[in-house]
Amino acid sequence: QVQLVESGGGLVQAGGSLRLSCAASGRTFRRYAMGWFRQAPGKEREFVACIYWSDGSTSYADSVKGRFTVSRDTAKNTVYLQMDSLKLEDTAVYYCADHTGTEYAYWGQGTQVTVSS
């Protein structure tokens, strides 16, 4: 079993920055990847970014490429999402998820990010 706890959300003006954290506990071996997803009101949850645990390689949604950076601290079992140049359309609940190699099997409770004009 894996527990994920996100933090770092909040209210920020457009153009500003926020850094989200996601601390994982429980099963810490054989971690394949961790991802960030978001869900805006009235929309489906969408992929934002992910990082592969073994080599730190990353993948991003086109909508955030060049503005968001995902990173990890393997010693702390923590993944981060640095969000810069935030736009109104980035407003959403952000979730981190643990990928077992087969699927994103574990999810955090989510943290709200609100971007204001």
Protein backbone atom coordinates (compact mmCIF):
# COMPACT_ATOMS: atom_id res chain seq x y z
CA GLN A 1 0.00 0.00 0.00
CA VAL A 2 1.20 3.51 -0.82
CA GLN A 3 0.09 6.74 0.79
CA LEU A 4 0.56 10.01 -1.09
CA VAL A 5 0.22 13.44 0.49
CA GLU A 6 0.28 16.56 -1.68
CA SER A 7 1.04 20.05 -0.43
CA GLY A 8 1.90 23.47 -1.79
CA GLY A 9 -1.29 24.49 -3.51
CA GLY A 10 -2.84 27.91 -3.08
CA LEU A 11 -3.89 31.15 -4.71
CA VAL A 12 -1.49 32.89 -7.07
CA GLN A 13 -1.76 35.65 -9.65
CA ALA A 14 -1.37 34.90 -13.32
CA GLY A 15 2.29 34.83 -14.23
CA GLY A 16 3.29 33.68 -10.78
CA SER A 17 4.76 30.43 -9.52
CA LEU A 18 3.90 27.64 -7.15
CA ARG A 19 5.72 24.48 -6.13
CA LEU A 20 3.75 21.37 -5.31
CA SER A 21 5.16 18.48 -3.30
CA CYS A 22 3.99 14.91 -2.99
CA ALA A 23 5.43 12.71 -0.27
CA ALA A 24 5.06 8.95 -0.65
CA SER A 25 5.07 6.45 2.18
CA GLY A 26 4.39 2.75 2.45
CA ARG A 27 5.74 0.63 -0.42
CA THR A 28 8.89 2.39 -1.53
CA PHE A 29 10.53 -0.35 -3.56
CA ARG A 30 9.99 -1.00 -7.27
CA ARG A 31 8.62 2.48 -7.80
CA TYR A 32 8.26 2.85 -11.55
CA ALA A 33 7.13 6.43 -11.96
CA MET A 34 5.14 9.18 -10.33
CA GLY A 35 2.84 11.51 -12.11
CA TRP A 36 0.90 14.71 -11.68
CA PHE A 37 -2.64 15.09 -12.93
CA ARG A 38 -5.19 17.88 -12.62
CA GLN A 39 -8.93 18.29 -12.77
CA ALA A 40 -10.64 21.58 -13.42
CA PRO A 41 -14.32 22.15 -12.57
CA GLY A 42 -16.55 20.45 -15.11
CA LYS A 43 -13.65 18.80 -16.88
CA GLU A 44 -12.10 15.36 -16.84
CA ARG A 45 -8.87 14.69 -15.03
CA GLU A 46 -5.89 15.19 -17.32
CA PHE A 47 -2.24 14.22 -17.33
CA VAL A 48 0.22 17.00 -16.49
CA ALA A 49 3.65 15.43 -16.07
CA CYS A 50 5.47 12.35 -14.89
CA ILE A 51 8.94 11.30 -13.84
CA TYR A 52 10.45 7.85 -14.11
CA TRP A 53 11.98 6.88 -10.83
CA SER A 54 15.02 4.96 -12.01
CA ASP A 55 16.58 7.54 -14.31
CA GLY A 56 14.63 10.73 -13.70
CA SER A 57 13.42 11.06 -17.26
CA THR A 58 10.31 13.16 -17.64
CA SER A 59 7.25 13.64 -19.79
CA TYR A 60 4.90 16.63 -20.01
CA ALA A 61 1.56 17.54 -21.43
CA ASP A 62 1.89 20.02 -24.27
CA SER A 63 -0.14 22.57 -22.32
CA VAL A 64 2.50 22.85 -19.59
CA LYS A 65 5.70 22.12 -21.50
CA GLY A 66 8.27 24.84 -20.89
CA ARG A 67 6.40 26.21 -17.86
CA PHE A 68 6.24 23.26 -15.44
CA THR A 69 9.10 21.13 -14.18
CA VAL A 70 8.73 17.79 -12.44
CA SER A 71 11.54 16.50 -10.23
CA ARG A 72 12.10 13.91 -7.53
CA ASP A 73 14.08 13.31 -4.39
CA THR A 74 14.57 9.57 -4.17
CA ALA A 75 15.91 9.73 -0.63
CA LYS A 76 12.76 11.48 0.55
CA ASN A 77 10.40 9.55 -1.75
CA THR A 78 9.03 12.91 -2.80
CA VAL A 79 8.09 14.30 -6.18
CA TYR A 80 7.78 18.00 -6.95
CA LEU A 81 6.00 20.07 -9.55
CA GLN A 82 7.45 23.53 -10.09
CA MET A 83 4.85 25.61 -11.88
CA ASP A 84 5.97 28.90 -13.45
CA SER A 85 4.22 31.41 -15.67
CA LEU A 86 0.90 30.22 -14.36
CA LYS A 87 -2.19 30.91 -16.44
CA LEU A 88 -5.85 31.16 -15.51
CA GLU A 89 -6.45 27.84 -17.24
CA ASP A 90 -4.04 26.11 -14.85
CA THR A 91 -6.65 26.46 -12.10
CA ALA A 92 -7.53 22.93 -10.95
CA VAL A 93 -7.15 20.37 -8.23
CA TYR A 94 -3.76 18.78 -8.70
CA TYR A 95 -3.19 15.13 -7.84
CA CYS A 96 -0.06 13.07 -7.63
CA ALA A 97 -0.15 9.38 -8.45
CA ASP A 98 2.14 6.39 -8.10
CA HIS A 99 2.68 4.20 -11.15
CA THR A 100 3.41 0.55 -10.41
CA GLY A 101 4.62 -0.28 -13.91
CA THR A 102 1.15 -1.35 -14.92
CA GLU A 103 -1.05 1.56 -13.94
CA TYR A 104 -1.36 4.60 -11.73
CA ALA A 105 -2.59 2.59 -8.79
CA TYR A 106 -2.35 5.05 -5.92
CA TRP A 107 -3.55 8.64 -5.73
CA GLY A 108 -3.21 11.51 -3.34
CA GLN A 109 -6.10 13.55 -1.99
CA GLY A 110 -5.37 16.52 -4.24
CA THR A 111 -4.37 20.11 -3.65
CA GLN A 112 -6.17 23.16 -5.03
CA VAL A 113 -4.34 25.57 -7.30
CA THR A 114 -6.17 28.76 -8.15
CA VAL A 115 -4.74 31.29 -10.59
CA SER A 116 -6.31 34.75 -10.49
CA SER A 117 -6.13 37.62 -12.97
